[in-house]
Amino acid sequence: MGITILIVDDEENFRTNLEGILTPLGYEVIGVGTLSEAREILAKGIGDVVLLDVQLPDGYGPNLLYETPQLPHRPPVIQITGYPDIEIAVEAMKNGAQDFLIKPIKVEQLEQSLNRAVEIVKMHRELSMFRDSQKNSVQFVAGNSKAMQRVLMQAERAAYASVSVLITGETGVGKDVLAQYIYSIGTRKSKTYVPINCAAIQSTMLESELFGHESGAFTGADKRKHGLMETADGGVLFLDEISSMPLDMQAKLLRAIESRAFRRVGGNNLINVDVQVIAASNRNLLEMIEKEQFRQDLYYRLKVVDLHIPPLRERKNDIPELVGFFIKHKNAKMGVNIESISPRAMEALMEYNWPGNIRELSNAIESAMLFCDTGVIDSYDLPLNIAKE
């Protein structure tokens, strides 16, 4: 979990020395010399822990203590000063300072103080993620077909067991929705869900995105970057379109999954992580293995649980339930009040072949709701390629 330390002190040498101590410990460090600069940075949501001097060129440092509780991310503040004044210390702690350190700061005391502050940051983040997961909980509509009921049962067991999952199926069948559903009902739902589309990232940048990089690792890497696998520590990493991942990256991913550790690009230190990996592909990975386009060992490592979502044309009996779900949820989103769908319109939906699968059905219902004036969707509200004349 990346932690950014904001140092607010007008002594440049002091800021530089602290940065030299904190950066090797894995912290991101930002140093400023005034209260106004600190306020600008904190207003942007940057700064997990604040090291705050008492006397600053543009004001009294502890005044910032009255403002930080109003910030959404509420960074803990560690007051620092060159003058051992007990009254200032008592005032700072009374007004919400996490700790009070006197210059010259001893490294051991600084580390202990930061460790306590980081625990508070972790708690705030976990509570925030839990609230978000509750607010944005995902409902996966399986339908009544036996194939999808089996997928749902297996998905729930995979969620509780927190094992690797491979989701396959055509484009638009809802692989990403199923991945989010597994996360939302699993043991990691209060942690982070990190999706990455492997096909949308240049192959040369994929390693940096996934594992992060150290400052100077390559041209343009001017500072350390935490990768998505590190961000997902404790939670779920969703690798969409895993078939697009180059073979050399597949090998590195396999090592990271098996050892639960990796190195940033340009780094030497092993970073340990605990991540549940969910991967998805719309291509036949077994055929790719035969053509030596996908690693067999990675394939079997990912498919501890193998979930195949059939195309919508093979489970048309699920369409009525899906239509009801979409109407219910899109009413609130679109600010309309569609009550139902006519038998003629439903017949048209059942006869259409759905090459775009559930995604196409969702878009078709949204379009029909937009043009429906009666509260009941009829065939003439549907897109022309679907409407039954």
Protein backbone atom coordinates (compact mmCIF):
# COMPACT_ATOMS: atom_id res chain seq x y z
CA MET A 1 0.00 0.00 0.00
CA GLY A 2 1.64 3.27 -1.15
CA ILE A 3 1.88 6.02 1.51
CA THR A 4 2.70 9.64 0.70
CA ILE A 5 4.33 11.79 3.38
CA LEU A 6 3.83 15.57 3.11
CA ILE A 7 6.64 17.46 4.89
CA VAL A 8 5.68 21.06 5.72
CA ASP A 9 8.83 22.83 6.93
CA ASP A 10 10.61 25.97 5.74
CA GLU A 11 14.09 24.47 6.25
CA GLU A 12 15.06 22.98 2.89
CA ASN A 13 17.97 20.98 4.35
CA PHE A 14 15.64 19.44 6.92
CA ARG A 15 13.18 18.42 4.21
CA THR A 16 15.97 16.94 2.10
CA ASN A 17 17.40 14.96 5.02
CA LEU A 18 13.98 13.57 5.92
CA GLU A 19 13.36 12.57 2.30
CA GLY A 20 16.65 10.69 2.35
CA ILE A 21 15.48 8.77 5.41
CA LEU A 22 11.89 8.09 4.32
CA THR A 23 12.30 7.21 0.64
CA PRO A 24 14.34 4.01 1.28
CA LEU A 25 11.59 2.96 3.71
CA GLY A 26 9.14 2.88 0.80
CA TYR A 27 7.37 6.20 1.35
CA GLU A 28 6.59 8.74 -1.34
CA VAL A 29 7.76 12.14 -0.07
CA ILE A 30 6.57 15.65 -0.96
CA GLY A 31 8.22 18.65 0.68
CA VAL A 32 6.87 22.22 0.88
CA GLY A 33 7.94 25.29 2.84
CA THR A 34 4.67 27.14 3.46
CA LEU A 35 1.15 26.59 4.77
CA SER A 36 -0.39 27.81 1.52
CA GLU A 37 1.51 25.17 -0.48
CA ALA A 38 0.45 22.50 2.00
CA ARG A 39 -3.20 23.53 1.69
CA GLU A 40 -3.05 23.35 -2.11
CA ILE A 41 -1.62 19.82 -2.05
CA LEU A 42 -4.02 18.55 0.62
CA ALA A 43 -6.98 20.04 -1.26
CA LYS A 44 -6.07 17.78 -4.20
CA GLY A 45 -6.30 14.71 -1.97
CA ILE A 46 -2.51 14.23 -1.89
CA GLY A 47 -0.73 13.48 1.37
CA ASP A 48 -1.54 10.48 3.58
CA VAL A 49 0.50 11.65 6.57
CA VAL A 50 1.62 15.22 7.32
CA LEU A 51 4.85 16.17 9.12
CA LEU A 52 4.10 19.75 10.19
CA ASP A 53 6.46 22.41 11.55
CA VAL A 54 5.21 24.95 14.10
CA GLN A 55 6.64 28.21 12.79
CA LEU A 56 6.19 28.79 9.05
CA PRO A 57 6.77 31.91 6.92
CA ASP A 58 3.06 32.45 6.23
CA GLY A 59 1.47 31.35 9.47
CA TYR A 60 1.28 29.22 12.58
CA GLY A 61 1.66 25.55 11.58
CA PRO A 62 -0.76 24.04 14.13
CA ASN A 63 -3.59 26.06 12.55
CA LEU A 64 -3.61 23.36 9.88
CA LEU A 65 -4.87 20.94 12.52
CA TYR A 66 -8.25 22.69 12.45
CA GLU A 67 -8.53 22.10 8.70
CA THR A 68 -7.38 18.51 8.15
CA PRO A 69 -10.43 16.88 9.84
CA GLN A 70 -12.59 18.49 7.13
CA LEU A 71 -10.65 16.76 4.35
CA PRO A 72 -12.19 13.57 2.91
CA HIS A 73 -9.01 11.54 3.51
CA ARG A 74 -8.24 13.03 6.98
CA PRO A 75 -4.44 12.68 7.04
CA PRO A 76 -2.84 12.11 10.47
CA VAL A 77 -0.59 15.03 11.45
CA ILE A 78 2.72 14.66 13.27
CA GLN A 79 3.77 18.01 14.75
CA ILE A 80 7.50 18.79 14.62
CA THR A 81 9.40 21.66 16.19
CA GLY A 82 12.90 22.77 17.09
CA TYR A 83 11.72 24.16 20.44
CA PRO A 84 10.78 21.70 23.22
CA ASP A 85 7.73 23.56 24.52
CA ILE A 86 5.35 21.40 26.54
CA GLU A 87 2.47 23.84 26.07
CA ILE A 88 2.74 23.63 22.29
CA ALA A 89 2.85 19.85 22.49
CA VAL A 90 -0.24 19.67 24.72
CA GLU A 91 -2.10 22.12 22.47
CA ALA A 92 -1.16 20.16 19.33
CA MET A 93 -2.29 16.82 20.78
CA LYS A 94 -5.52 18.40 22.08
CA ASN A 95 -6.28 19.74 18.59
CA GLY A 96 -5.83 16.39 16.86
CA ALA A 97 -2.09 15.90 16.24
CA GLN A 98 -1.18 12.22 16.05
CA ASP A 99 2.24 12.79 17.64
CA PHE A 100 4.77 15.47 18.60
CA LEU A 101 8.47 15.19 17.68
CA ILE A 102 11.33 17.50 18.61
CA LYS A 103 14.24 18.34 16.33
CA PRO A 104 16.74 16.86 15.83
CA ILE A 105 14.43 13.93 15.17
CA LYS A 106 15.69 10.47 16.03
CA VAL A 107 15.12 8.02 13.18
CA GLU A 108 13.74 5.33 15.49
CA GLN A 109 11.17 7.71 16.99
CA LEU A 110 10.18 8.93 13.53
CA GLU A 111 9.64 5.38 12.26
CA GLN A 112 7.53 4.46 15.30
CA SER A 113 5.42 7.59 14.92
CA LEU A 114 4.91 6.99 11.20
CA ASN A 115 3.99 3.34 11.80
CA ARG A 116 1.18 4.46 14.11
CA ALA A 117 0.02 7.04 11.59
CA VAL A 118 0.08 4.51 8.73
CA GLU A 119 -2.18 2.18 10.73
CA ILE A 120 -4.73 5.00 10.91
CA VAL A 121 -4.41 5.60 7.14
CA LYS A 122 -5.00 1.88 6.49
CA MET A 123 -8.09 1.91 8.67
CA HIS A 124 -9.51 4.97 6.86
CA ARG A 125 -8.85 3.39 3.48
CA GLU A 126 -10.44 0.08 4.42
CA LEU A 127 -13.54 1.80 5.79
CA SER A 128 -13.81 3.89 2.65
CA MET A 129 -13.44 0.84 0.42
CA PHE A 130 -16.04 -1.03 2.47
CA ARG A 131 -18.54 1.81 2.11
CA ASP A 132 -17.87 2.01 -1.61
CA SER A 133 -18.27 -1.74 -2.04
CA GLN A 134 -21.62 -1.60 -0.23
CA LYS A 135 -22.77 1.43 -2.22
CA ASN A 136 -21.69 0.00 -5.56
CA SER A 137 -22.45 -3.65 -4.88
CA VAL A 138 -22.82 -5.65 -8.07
CA GLN A 139 -25.75 -7.94 -8.79
CA PHE A 140 -24.99 -10.69 -11.28
CA VAL A 141 -28.17 -11.87 -12.99
CA ALA A 142 -27.61 -15.52 -13.79
CA GLY A 143 -31.06 -16.31 -15.16
CA ASN A 144 -32.77 -19.70 -14.98
CA SER A 145 -30.70 -21.75 -17.42
CA LYS A 146 -28.87 -24.70 -15.89
CA ALA A 147 -25.56 -23.57 -17.37
CA MET A 148 -25.75 -20.16 -15.70
CA GLN A 149 -26.99 -21.52 -12.41
CA ARG A 150 -23.90 -23.74 -12.37
CA VAL A 151 -21.67 -20.74 -13.17
CA LEU A 152 -23.23 -18.78 -10.29
CA MET A 153 -22.75 -21.65 -7.82
CA GLN A 154 -19.10 -22.09 -8.79
CA ALA A 155 -18.50 -18.31 -8.69
CA GLU A 156 -19.82 -18.11 -5.14
CA ARG A 157 -17.58 -20.96 -3.98
CA ALA A 158 -14.57 -19.33 -5.65
CA ALA A 159 -15.39 -16.06 -3.90
CA TYR A 160 -15.52 -17.68 -0.46
CA ALA A 161 -12.35 -19.72 -1.07
CA SER A 162 -10.48 -16.70 -2.52
CA VAL A 163 -8.82 -18.79 -5.26
CA SER A 164 -7.71 -17.88 -8.78
CA VAL A 165 -10.51 -17.78 -11.33
CA LEU A 166 -10.52 -17.90 -15.14
CA ILE A 167 -13.65 -16.51 -16.82
CA THR A 168 -14.16 -17.25 -20.52
CA GLY A 169 -16.85 -16.32 -23.00
CA GLU A 170 -17.60 -14.17 -26.01
CA THR A 171 -17.37 -10.40 -25.96
CA GLY A 172 -20.32 -8.86 -24.15
CA VAL A 173 -21.42 -11.87 -22.08
CA GLY A 174 -20.60 -10.11 -18.80
CA LYS A 175 -17.19 -11.45 -17.78
CA ASP A 176 -16.28 -8.18 -16.06
CA VAL A 177 -19.62 -8.10 -14.22
CA LEU A 178 -19.09 -11.66 -12.98
CA ALA A 179 -15.58 -10.72 -11.78
CA GLN A 180 -16.99 -7.77 -9.82
CA TYR A 181 -19.71 -10.01 -8.40
CA ILE A 182 -17.12 -12.51 -7.15
CA TYR A 183 -15.30 -9.65 -5.46
CA SER A 184 -18.47 -8.15 -3.96
CA ILE A 185 -19.54 -11.38 -2.19
CA GLY A 186 -16.10 -12.73 -1.32
CA THR A 187 -13.89 -12.51 1.73
CA ARG A 188 -11.97 -9.60 0.16
CA LYS A 189 -14.92 -7.29 -0.46
CA SER A 190 -13.70 -4.72 2.10
CA LYS A 191 -10.35 -4.48 0.28
CA THR A 192 -9.41 -3.09 -3.12
CA TYR A 193 -10.75 -4.26 -6.50
CA VAL A 194 -8.26 -3.38 -9.26
CA PRO A 195 -9.22 -4.06 -12.91
CA ILE A 196 -6.73 -3.88 -15.77
CA ASN A 197 -7.46 -4.42 -19.46
CA CYS A 198 -4.35 -6.11 -20.82
CA ALA A 199 -5.37 -5.33 -24.40
CA ALA A 200 -5.61 -1.59 -23.73
CA ILE A 201 -2.02 -1.15 -22.53
CA GLN A 202 1.06 -1.17 -24.74
CA SER A 203 3.04 -4.36 -24.21
CA THR A 204 6.15 -2.34 -23.36
CA MET A 205 4.31 -0.56 -20.53
CA LEU A 206 2.38 -3.52 -19.14
CA GLU A 207 5.12 -4.64 -16.75
CA SER A 208 5.40 -1.14 -15.27
CA GLU A 209 1.61 -0.89 -14.92
CA LEU A 210 1.36 -4.27 -13.23
CA PHE A 211 4.47 -4.25 -11.02
CA GLY A 212 5.40 -0.56 -10.85
CA HIS A 213 8.89 0.88 -11.32
CA GLU A 214 11.67 2.59 -9.42
CA SER A 215 12.88 6.09 -10.13
CA GLY A 216 15.30 6.04 -13.09
CA ALA A 217 14.26 2.56 -14.23
CA PHE A 218 13.79 3.88 -17.77
CA THR A 219 13.52 7.14 -19.65
CA GLY A 220 10.70 9.17 -18.18
CA ALA A 221 10.60 7.27 -14.87
CA ASP A 222 11.38 10.31 -12.74
CA LYS A 223 9.92 8.87 -9.55
CA ARG A 224 8.86 5.56 -8.01
CA LYS A 225 5.50 4.21 -9.13
CA HIS A 226 3.44 1.58 -7.34
CA GLY A 227 2.03 -1.08 -9.67
CA LEU A 228 -1.54 -2.35 -9.80
CA MET A 229 -0.62 -5.66 -8.17
CA GLU A 230 0.75 -3.76 -5.18
CA THR A 231 -2.36 -1.56 -5.12
CA ALA A 232 -4.51 -4.70 -5.06
CA ASP A 233 -2.66 -6.15 -2.04
CA GLY A 234 -5.23 -7.86 0.17
CA GLY A 235 -7.89 -7.54 -2.52
CA VAL A 236 -8.69 -8.68 -6.05
CA LEU A 237 -6.78 -8.08 -9.28
CA PHE A 238 -8.92 -8.51 -12.41
CA LEU A 239 -6.91 -9.17 -15.58
CA ASP A 240 -9.29 -8.63 -18.48
CA GLU A 241 -8.29 -9.91 -21.94
CA ILE A 242 -5.42 -11.94 -20.46
CA SER A 243 -4.89 -13.49 -23.91
CA SER A 244 -3.37 -10.18 -25.07
CA MET A 245 -0.51 -10.41 -22.57
CA PRO A 246 2.91 -11.04 -24.22
CA LEU A 247 4.62 -14.35 -23.43
CA ASP A 248 7.48 -12.75 -21.49
CA MET A 249 4.97 -10.95 -19.27
CA GLN A 250 3.02 -14.17 -18.80
CA ALA A 251 6.14 -15.75 -17.30
CA LYS A 252 6.63 -12.83 -14.90
CA LEU A 253 2.98 -12.89 -13.91
CA LEU A 254 3.17 -16.63 -13.23
CA ARG A 255 6.17 -16.14 -10.93
CA ALA A 256 4.43 -13.33 -9.09
CA ILE A 257 1.27 -15.39 -8.55
CA GLU A 258 3.12 -18.50 -7.41
CA SER A 259 5.58 -16.73 -5.11
CA ARG A 260 3.17 -13.98 -4.06
CA ALA A 261 6.01 -11.56 -4.58
CA PHE A 262 7.56 -9.46 -7.34
CA ARG A 263 10.11 -6.74 -7.99
CA ARG A 264 9.35 -3.33 -9.42
CA VAL A 265 10.95 -2.57 -12.77
CA GLY A 266 14.48 -1.40 -11.98
CA GLY A 267 14.19 -2.57 -8.36
CA ASN A 268 15.96 -5.24 -6.33
CA ASN A 269 13.69 -5.62 -3.32
CA LEU A 270 10.98 -8.29 -3.29
CA ILE A 271 7.51 -6.92 -2.58
CA ASN A 272 5.19 -9.46 -0.95
CA VAL A 273 1.50 -9.33 -1.83
CA ASP A 274 -1.65 -11.28 -1.09
CA VAL A 275 -3.88 -10.97 -4.15
CA GLN A 276 -6.75 -13.02 -5.55
CA VAL A 277 -6.36 -13.06 -9.33
CA ILE A 278 -9.37 -13.21 -11.62
CA ALA A 279 -8.58 -13.39 -15.33
CA ALA A 280 -10.89 -13.22 -18.33
CA SER A 281 -10.56 -14.02 -22.03
CA ASN A 282 -12.83 -14.00 -25.07
CA ARG A 283 -10.35 -16.16 -26.98
CA ASN A 284 -9.82 -19.92 -26.81
CA LEU A 285 -6.73 -20.20 -24.62
CA LEU A 286 -6.27 -23.93 -25.30
CA GLU A 287 -5.95 -23.19 -29.02
CA MET A 288 -3.49 -20.42 -28.20
CA ILE A 289 -1.46 -22.87 -26.10
CA GLU A 290 -1.23 -25.26 -29.08
CA LYS A 291 0.06 -22.38 -31.20
CA GLU A 292 2.52 -21.44 -28.42
CA GLN A 293 0.81 -18.07 -27.98
CA PHE A 294 -0.13 -18.65 -24.35
CA ARG A 295 1.72 -20.40 -21.54
CA GLN A 296 0.20 -23.69 -20.45
CA ASP A 297 1.53 -23.38 -16.89
CA LEU A 298 -0.08 -19.95 -16.48
CA TYR A 299 -3.35 -21.26 -17.91
CA TYR A 300 -3.59 -24.03 -15.32
CA ARG A 301 -2.46 -21.69 -12.55
CA LEU A 302 -5.26 -19.27 -13.36
CA LYS A 303 -8.05 -21.81 -13.82
CA VAL A 304 -8.29 -23.16 -10.30
CA VAL A 305 -11.94 -22.39 -10.96
CA ASP A 306 -12.94 -22.26 -14.63
CA LEU A 307 -16.12 -20.30 -15.37
CA HIS A 308 -17.49 -20.29 -18.91
CA ILE A 309 -20.35 -17.90 -19.63
CA PRO A 310 -22.43 -19.18 -22.58
CA PRO A 311 -23.49 -16.67 -25.27
CA LEU A 312 -26.97 -15.21 -24.91
CA ARG A 313 -28.22 -16.99 -28.05
CA GLU A 314 -27.72 -20.30 -26.21
CA ARG A 315 -29.77 -19.26 -23.16
CA LYS A 316 -32.61 -17.16 -24.48
CA ASN A 317 -34.86 -18.27 -21.62
CA ASP A 318 -32.79 -15.91 -19.45
CA ILE A 319 -33.78 -12.86 -21.54
CA PRO A 320 -37.03 -12.01 -19.66
CA GLU A 321 -35.21 -11.90 -16.30
CA LEU A 322 -32.40 -9.83 -17.77
CA VAL A 323 -34.87 -7.39 -19.35
CA GLY A 324 -36.66 -6.94 -16.01
CA PHE A 325 -33.35 -6.30 -14.28
CA PHE A 326 -32.24 -3.71 -16.85
CA ILE A 327 -35.57 -1.85 -16.76
CA LYS A 328 -35.52 -1.69 -12.96
CA HIS A 329 -31.98 -0.33 -12.75
CA LYS A 330 -32.13 1.99 -15.74
CA ASN A 331 -35.35 3.68 -14.54
CA ALA A 332 -33.44 5.39 -11.74
CA LYS A 333 -30.43 6.13 -13.91
CA MET A 334 -32.47 7.66 -16.75
CA GLY A 335 -35.13 9.32 -14.62
CA VAL A 336 -38.02 7.47 -16.32
CA ASN A 337 -40.73 5.09 -15.13
CA ILE A 338 -41.02 2.17 -17.53
CA GLU A 339 -43.31 -0.46 -16.02
CA SER A 340 -43.09 -3.41 -18.40
CA ILE A 341 -42.58 -4.66 -21.94
CA SER A 342 -45.24 -5.80 -24.39
CA PRO A 343 -45.52 -9.46 -25.50
CA ARG A 344 -44.77 -8.38 -29.08
CA ALA A 345 -41.56 -6.62 -28.01
CA MET A 346 -40.51 -9.58 -25.86
CA GLU A 347 -41.09 -11.92 -28.80
CA ALA A 348 -38.78 -9.77 -30.91
CA LEU A 349 -36.10 -9.95 -28.23
CA MET A 350 -36.45 -13.72 -27.98
CA GLU A 351 -36.14 -14.22 -31.74
CA TYR A 352 -33.08 -11.97 -32.19
CA ASN A 353 -29.69 -13.74 -32.21
CA TRP A 354 -27.74 -11.26 -30.02
CA PRO A 355 -24.24 -11.24 -31.54
CA GLY A 356 -23.27 -8.61 -28.97
CA ASN A 357 -24.68 -10.72 -26.12
CA ILE A 358 -25.83 -9.15 -22.83
CA ARG A 359 -24.09 -5.86 -23.54
CA GLU A 360 -26.12 -5.49 -26.72
CA LEU A 361 -29.32 -6.42 -24.86
CA SER A 362 -28.60 -3.82 -22.18
CA ASN A 363 -28.02 -1.13 -24.81
CA ALA A 364 -31.16 -2.15 -26.71
CA ILE A 365 -33.31 -1.84 -23.57
CA GLU A 366 -31.78 1.54 -22.72
CA SER A 367 -32.50 2.77 -26.26
CA ALA A 368 -36.10 1.47 -26.10
CA MET A 369 -36.67 3.17 -22.73
CA LEU A 370 -35.43 6.44 -24.21
CA PHE A 371 -38.03 6.36 -27.00
CA CYS A 372 -40.90 4.81 -25.02
CA ASP A 373 -43.71 7.28 -24.25
CA THR A 374 -46.32 4.96 -22.75
CA GLY A 375 -44.58 3.25 -19.83
CA VAL A 376 -44.68 -0.07 -21.67
CA ILE A 377 -41.92 -0.87 -24.18
CA ASP A 378 -43.35 -1.99 -27.53
CA SER A 379 -41.61 -3.40 -30.58
CA TYR A 380 -41.51 -0.03 -32.35
CA ASP A 381 -39.44 1.34 -29.43
CA LEU A 382 -36.73 -1.24 -30.06
CA PRO A 383 -33.75 -0.65 -32.39
CA LEU A 384 -34.69 -1.35 -36.03
CA ASN A 385 -32.42 -4.39 -36.37
CA ILE A 386 -34.20 -6.05 -33.44
CA ALA A 387 -37.82 -4.90 -33.81
CA LYS A 388 -40.29 -7.51 -35.00
CA GLU A 389 -42.51 -6.10 -37.76
